Amino acid sequence: MKTILKGTILLFSLIMISCGGKDKETKEDGFSVQRKKAETEQPVATNTTSEVKASERVDLTTKGVGPIKSIEIPAEIDEAMAAKGKEVYEQMCLACHRVDKKFIGPAPNGVLDRRTPEWVMNMILNPQEMVQQDPLAKDLLQEFNGSPMSNQGLTEEQARAIVEYFRTLK
């Protein structure tokens, strides 16, 4: 019994001695660590609040990188095409995009007030090259925690129908 008690006291004493103080410099194998007090550390610089998020930035000049160079958008919304676009959107895009709120990706409502239809279609059809080469797509990737948009393998006709559906969202 005395041996167990002496062993426990010895073990406890060794543990207390090995803990050391907060300002202790540790050297091991030629490597040293010096601890600093919290009040001497400098805060990390962060983005200013005046910087506009990529999802809110307006760019109506860029067409993006991809097969769509120019498209004609009539003044009147094609309701049949918009309905088809809504169907495709709900089947292929709803997993990551929600109307009226950010989710894994940006909300599509009002996107055509901020982006050209060509840019939107190129993002739908060619997301990998867009995030590699388009500055705005790169910024969106960063804003949405590095979650890249996956290529759904949509046709140009389906992408155009989605754009028509986006025209109905305000």
Protein backbone atom coordinates (compact mmCIF):
# COMPACT_ATOMS: atom_id res chain seq x y z
CA MET A 1 0.00 0.00 0.00
CA LYS A 2 2.84 2.39 0.94
CA THR A 3 4.62 1.57 -2.32
CA ILE A 4 1.53 2.45 -4.40
CA LEU A 5 1.07 5.71 -2.48
CA LYS A 6 4.75 6.67 -2.92
CA GLY A 7 4.59 5.78 -6.64
CA THR A 8 1.45 7.89 -7.15
CA ILE A 9 3.01 10.88 -5.36
CA LEU A 10 6.20 10.53 -7.41
CA LEU A 11 4.22 10.33 -10.68
CA PHE A 12 2.11 13.36 -9.74
CA SER A 13 5.27 15.33 -8.82
CA LEU A 14 6.91 14.52 -12.16
CA ILE A 15 3.81 15.62 -14.04
CA MET A 16 3.71 18.94 -12.17
CA ILE A 17 7.40 19.59 -12.80
CA SER A 18 7.13 18.81 -16.52
CA CYS A 19 4.28 21.27 -17.12
CA GLY A 20 6.48 24.34 -16.63
CA GLY A 21 5.46 28.00 -16.87
CA LYS A 22 3.73 29.93 -19.64
CA ASP A 23 6.75 32.05 -20.56
CA LYS A 24 9.12 29.07 -20.70
CA GLU A 25 11.26 28.67 -23.82
CA THR A 26 11.29 25.11 -25.05
CA LYS A 27 14.25 23.72 -27.02
CA GLU A 28 14.12 20.29 -28.50
CA ASP A 29 16.22 18.88 -31.31
CA GLY A 30 17.48 22.32 -32.33
CA PHE A 31 13.95 23.72 -32.49
CA SER A 32 12.86 26.44 -30.11
CA VAL A 33 9.46 27.89 -29.33
CA GLN A 34 8.93 31.18 -27.59
CA ARG A 35 5.45 31.94 -26.40
CA LYS A 36 4.13 35.47 -26.67
CA LYS A 37 1.56 37.07 -24.48
CA ALA A 38 -1.77 37.76 -26.17
CA GLU A 39 -1.57 41.54 -25.73
CA THR A 40 1.61 41.73 -27.85
CA GLU A 41 0.05 39.98 -30.84
CA GLN A 42 -1.18 42.11 -33.72
CA PRO A 43 -4.69 41.53 -35.10
CA VAL A 44 -4.92 40.00 -38.56
CA ALA A 45 -6.06 42.45 -41.24
CA THR A 46 -9.50 41.65 -42.64
CA ASN A 47 -11.46 42.90 -45.63
CA THR A 48 -13.12 46.22 -45.06
CA THR A 49 -16.88 46.31 -44.90
CA SER A 50 -16.99 48.84 -47.71
CA GLU A 51 -15.81 46.16 -50.16
CA VAL A 52 -18.71 44.82 -52.24
CA LYS A 53 -19.19 41.05 -52.15
CA ALA A 54 -18.81 39.27 -55.48
CA SER A 55 -22.43 38.08 -55.32
CA GLU A 56 -23.62 41.69 -55.00
CA ARG A 57 -21.17 43.23 -57.48
CA VAL A 58 -22.69 44.55 -60.71
CA ASP A 59 -20.86 43.73 -63.94
CA LEU A 60 -22.97 44.08 -67.07
CA THR A 61 -20.04 44.08 -69.50
CA THR A 62 -18.29 40.74 -68.98
CA LYS A 63 -19.48 37.74 -70.99
CA GLY A 64 -17.33 35.15 -69.23
CA VAL A 65 -15.36 32.25 -70.64
CA GLY A 66 -17.16 29.66 -72.71
CA PRO A 67 -19.18 28.93 -75.81
CA ILE A 68 -21.71 31.78 -75.46
CA LYS A 69 -20.42 34.94 -77.10
CA SER A 70 -23.73 36.71 -77.76
CA ILE A 71 -27.42 36.00 -77.29
CA GLU A 72 -30.52 37.97 -78.11
CA ILE A 73 -32.98 38.48 -75.28
CA PRO A 74 -36.40 39.74 -76.45
CA ALA A 75 -38.29 42.28 -74.36
CA GLU A 76 -41.16 39.86 -73.75
CA ILE A 77 -40.59 36.85 -71.51
CA ASP A 78 -41.21 33.54 -73.28
CA GLU A 79 -43.46 31.87 -70.69
CA ALA A 80 -43.11 28.37 -72.19
CA MET A 81 -39.30 28.65 -72.18
CA ALA A 82 -39.35 30.05 -68.63
CA ALA A 83 -41.49 27.11 -67.47
CA LYS A 84 -39.01 24.69 -69.06
CA GLY A 85 -36.17 26.62 -67.39
CA LYS A 86 -37.90 26.38 -64.01
CA GLU A 87 -38.25 22.63 -64.49
CA VAL A 88 -34.56 22.22 -65.36
CA TYR A 89 -33.55 24.54 -62.49
CA GLU A 90 -35.58 22.57 -59.96
CA GLN A 91 -34.15 19.30 -61.20
CA MET A 92 -30.49 20.29 -61.63
CA CYS A 93 -29.75 23.45 -59.64
CA LEU A 94 -31.92 23.40 -56.51
CA ALA A 95 -29.43 21.26 -54.60
CA CYS A 96 -27.09 24.27 -54.34
CA HIS A 97 -29.12 27.38 -55.25
CA ARG A 98 -32.22 28.75 -53.50
CA VAL A 99 -34.36 31.57 -54.85
CA ASP A 100 -34.24 34.63 -52.56
CA LYS A 101 -31.41 33.37 -50.31
CA LYS A 102 -27.81 32.28 -50.35
CA PHE A 103 -27.24 28.60 -49.89
CA ILE A 104 -24.23 26.63 -51.13
CA GLY A 105 -24.22 28.94 -54.15
CA PRO A 106 -25.64 32.42 -54.77
CA ALA A 107 -29.36 33.11 -55.08
CA PRO A 108 -30.45 33.46 -58.73
CA ASN A 109 -33.07 36.15 -58.22
CA GLY A 110 -31.97 39.45 -59.73
CA VAL A 111 -28.84 37.88 -61.25
CA LEU A 112 -29.62 39.43 -64.65
CA ASP A 113 -29.53 42.86 -62.99
CA ARG A 114 -25.90 42.11 -62.02
CA ARG A 115 -24.60 39.88 -64.85
CA THR A 116 -24.96 39.59 -68.60
CA PRO A 117 -27.04 36.67 -69.90
CA GLU A 118 -23.91 35.40 -71.69
CA TRP A 119 -21.96 35.33 -68.41
CA VAL A 120 -24.77 33.42 -66.68
CA MET A 121 -25.01 30.88 -69.49
CA ASN A 122 -21.22 30.42 -69.61
CA MET A 123 -21.22 29.86 -65.84
CA ILE A 124 -23.91 27.20 -66.26
CA LEU A 125 -22.26 25.52 -69.23
CA ASN A 126 -18.58 25.99 -68.42
CA PRO A 127 -18.12 26.35 -64.63
CA GLN A 128 -14.62 24.84 -64.38
CA GLU A 129 -13.02 27.19 -66.89
CA MET A 130 -15.00 30.13 -65.51
CA VAL A 131 -13.57 29.71 -62.00
CA GLN A 132 -10.09 29.29 -63.46
CA GLN A 133 -10.14 32.25 -65.88
CA ASP A 134 -12.96 34.68 -65.02
CA PRO A 135 -12.08 37.10 -62.18
CA LEU A 136 -15.68 37.45 -61.00
CA ALA A 137 -16.21 33.67 -60.96
CA LYS A 138 -12.97 33.33 -58.94
CA ASP A 139 -14.28 35.88 -56.41
CA LEU A 140 -17.60 34.03 -56.17
CA LEU A 141 -15.74 30.79 -55.51
CA GLN A 142 -13.94 32.45 -52.60
CA GLU A 143 -17.12 34.06 -51.26
CA PHE A 144 -18.88 30.71 -51.20
CA ASN A 145 -16.13 28.94 -49.26
CA GLY A 146 -14.43 27.34 -52.23
CA SER A 147 -17.50 25.36 -53.25
CA PRO A 148 -17.12 25.06 -57.03
CA MET A 149 -20.17 24.85 -59.24
CA SER A 150 -20.38 21.41 -60.77
CA ASN A 151 -20.88 20.95 -64.46
CA GLN A 152 -24.36 19.47 -64.85
CA GLY A 153 -23.85 18.68 -68.53
CA LEU A 154 -26.69 20.93 -69.65
CA THR A 155 -27.25 21.89 -73.27
CA GLU A 156 -27.21 25.47 -74.53
CA GLU A 157 -30.99 25.20 -74.95
CA GLN A 158 -31.43 24.20 -71.29
CA ALA A 159 -29.09 26.97 -70.11
CA ARG A 160 -31.02 29.51 -72.20
CA ALA A 161 -34.31 28.25 -70.67
CA ILE A 162 -32.83 28.71 -67.18
CA VAL A 163 -31.86 32.30 -68.08
CA GLU A 164 -35.45 32.87 -69.24
CA TYR A 165 -36.68 31.50 -65.88
CA PHE A 166 -34.26 33.83 -64.07
CA ARG A 167 -35.92 36.74 -65.92
CA THR A 168 -39.16 35.91 -64.05
CA LEU A 169 -37.43 36.14 -60.64
CA LYS A 170 -37.20 39.56 -59.06
